[in-house]
Amino acid sequence: MAVLKRNLWTLFWIILVGGAVLLSIILSHRWQSIFASHETYHKNPNTAD
């Protein structure tokens, strides 16, 4: 029973850390996309968005 409980906690932490890393990567790429779009808009103010 102790081995099963340890394995469940290990699985929980792996999923938690993996999810946090995946979320960080997705948010980072989204932020870079928004920043690039914002920068392009300010370089060309006559372009309609």
N, C-alpha and C. Protein backbone atom coordinates (compact mmCIF):
# COMPACT_ATOMS: atom_id res chain seq x y z
N MET A 1 0.82 -1.19 0.00
CA MET A 1 0.00 0.00 0.00
C MET A 1 0.86 1.26 0.00
N ALA A 2 1.98 1.22 0.72
CA ALA A 2 2.87 2.39 0.79
C ALA A 2 3.49 2.68 -0.58
N VAL A 3 3.81 1.61 -1.32
CA VAL A 3 4.39 1.78 -2.65
C VAL A 3 3.38 2.42 -3.59
N LEU A 4 2.13 1.99 -3.51
CA LEU A 4 1.08 2.56 -4.35
C LEU A 4 0.85 4.03 -4.02
N LYS A 5 0.84 4.36 -2.73
CA LYS A 5 0.64 5.74 -2.31
C LYS A 5 1.80 6.62 -2.79
N ARG A 6 3.03 6.10 -2.71
CA ARG A 6 4.20 6.85 -3.17
C ARG A 6 4.14 7.07 -4.67
N ASN A 7 3.71 6.04 -5.41
CA ASN A 7 3.60 6.17 -6.85
C ASN A 7 2.54 7.19 -7.25
N LEU A 8 1.43 7.24 -6.52
CA LEU A 8 0.39 8.21 -6.82
C LEU A 8 0.88 9.64 -6.59
N TRP A 9 1.62 9.86 -5.51
CA TRP A 9 2.17 11.19 -5.25
C TRP A 9 3.20 11.57 -6.31
N THR A 10 4.00 10.61 -6.73
CA THR A 10 4.98 10.87 -7.78
C THR A 10 4.28 11.25 -9.07
N LEU A 11 3.24 10.52 -9.42
CA LEU A 11 2.47 10.82 -10.63
C LEU A 11 1.82 12.20 -10.51
N PHE A 12 1.28 12.52 -9.35
CA PHE A 12 0.68 13.83 -9.12
C PHE A 12 1.68 14.95 -9.36
N TRP A 13 2.88 14.84 -8.81
CA TRP A 13 3.89 15.89 -8.96
C TRP A 13 4.39 15.99 -10.39
N ILE A 14 4.53 14.86 -11.07
CA ILE A 14 4.96 14.89 -12.48
C ILE A 14 3.92 15.62 -13.33
N ILE A 15 2.65 15.31 -13.12
CA ILE A 15 1.58 15.97 -13.88
C ILE A 15 1.53 17.46 -13.54
N LEU A 16 1.66 17.80 -12.27
CA LEU A 16 1.62 19.20 -11.85
C LEU A 16 2.77 20.00 -12.45
N VAL A 17 3.97 19.50 -12.36
CA VAL A 17 5.14 20.20 -12.90
C VAL A 17 5.06 20.26 -14.42
N GLY A 18 4.68 19.15 -15.05
CA GLY A 18 4.54 19.14 -16.51
C GLY A 18 3.50 20.14 -16.99
N GLY A 19 2.38 20.23 -16.29
CA GLY A 19 1.35 21.20 -16.65
C GLY A 19 1.83 22.63 -16.48
N ALA A 20 2.58 22.89 -15.41
CA ALA A 20 3.11 24.25 -15.19
C ALA A 20 4.11 24.62 -16.28
N VAL A 21 4.95 23.69 -16.68
CA VAL A 21 5.92 23.95 -17.74
C VAL A 21 5.20 24.20 -19.06
N LEU A 22 4.22 23.37 -19.39
CA LEU A 22 3.46 23.53 -20.63
C LEU A 22 2.72 24.88 -20.64
N LEU A 23 2.10 25.23 -19.53
CA LEU A 23 1.41 26.52 -19.44
C LEU A 23 2.38 27.68 -19.62
N SER A 24 3.56 27.59 -19.02
CA SER A 24 4.56 28.64 -19.17
C SER A 24 5.01 28.80 -20.61
N ILE A 25 5.21 27.69 -21.31
CA ILE A 25 5.63 27.74 -22.71
C ILE A 25 4.53 28.38 -23.56
N ILE A 26 3.30 27.95 -23.37
CA ILE A 26 2.18 28.48 -24.16
C ILE A 26 2.02 29.99 -23.90
N LEU A 27 2.06 30.40 -22.63
CA LEU A 27 1.90 31.81 -22.31
C LEU A 27 3.05 32.65 -22.85
N SER A 28 4.25 32.11 -22.82
CA SER A 28 5.40 32.83 -23.34
C SER A 28 5.27 33.07 -24.84
N HIS A 29 4.88 32.03 -25.58
CA HIS A 29 4.70 32.18 -27.02
C HIS A 29 3.55 33.14 -27.34
N ARG A 30 2.49 33.08 -26.56
CA ARG A 30 1.36 33.99 -26.78
C ARG A 30 1.77 35.43 -26.52
N TRP A 31 2.55 35.66 -25.46
CA TRP A 31 3.01 37.00 -25.14
C TRP A 31 3.90 37.54 -26.26
N GLN A 32 4.81 36.72 -26.78
CA GLN A 32 5.67 37.16 -27.87
C GLN A 32 4.86 37.50 -29.11
N SER A 33 3.81 36.75 -29.38
CA SER A 33 2.95 37.02 -30.53
C SER A 33 2.23 38.35 -30.35
N ILE A 34 1.69 38.59 -29.17
CA ILE A 34 0.99 39.85 -28.90
C ILE A 34 1.97 41.02 -28.98
N PHE A 35 3.14 40.85 -28.43
CA PHE A 35 4.14 41.92 -28.44
C PHE A 35 4.57 42.25 -29.87
N ALA A 36 4.80 41.25 -30.69
CA ALA A 36 5.19 41.47 -32.08
C ALA A 36 4.08 42.17 -32.85
N SER A 37 2.84 41.78 -32.62
CA SER A 37 1.71 42.40 -33.27
C SER A 37 1.58 43.86 -32.85
N HIS A 38 1.75 44.13 -31.58
CA HIS A 38 1.66 45.48 -31.05
C HIS A 38 2.78 46.35 -31.62
N GLU A 39 3.98 45.78 -31.69
CA GLU A 39 5.13 46.52 -32.22
C GLU A 39 4.93 46.84 -33.70
N THR A 40 4.42 45.89 -34.47
CA THR A 40 4.17 46.10 -35.89
C THR A 40 3.10 47.17 -36.08
N TYR A 41 2.08 47.17 -35.27
CA TYR A 41 1.01 48.16 -35.38
C TYR A 41 1.55 49.58 -35.17
N HIS A 42 2.45 49.73 -34.20
CA HIS A 42 2.98 51.05 -33.92
C HIS A 42 4.01 51.50 -34.95
N LYS A 43 4.63 50.58 -35.65
CA LYS A 43 5.55 50.95 -36.72
C LYS A 43 4.78 51.41 -37.96
N ASN A 44 3.59 50.86 -38.19
CA ASN A 44 2.76 51.20 -39.33
C ASN A 44 1.40 51.69 -38.85
N PRO A 45 1.29 52.90 -38.35
CA PRO A 45 0.03 53.35 -37.76
C PRO A 45 -1.10 53.54 -38.77
N ASN A 46 -0.81 53.59 -40.06
CA ASN A 46 -1.85 53.79 -41.05
C ASN A 46 -2.55 52.49 -41.47
N THR A 47 -2.05 51.38 -41.00
CA THR A 47 -2.64 50.10 -41.38
C THR A 47 -3.83 49.81 -40.48
N ALA A 48 -4.93 49.40 -41.09
CA ALA A 48 -6.11 49.03 -40.30
C ALA A 48 -5.93 47.63 -39.74
N ASP A 49 -6.31 47.43 -38.51
CA ASP A 49 -6.16 46.12 -37.88
C ASP A 49 -7.48 45.40 -37.81
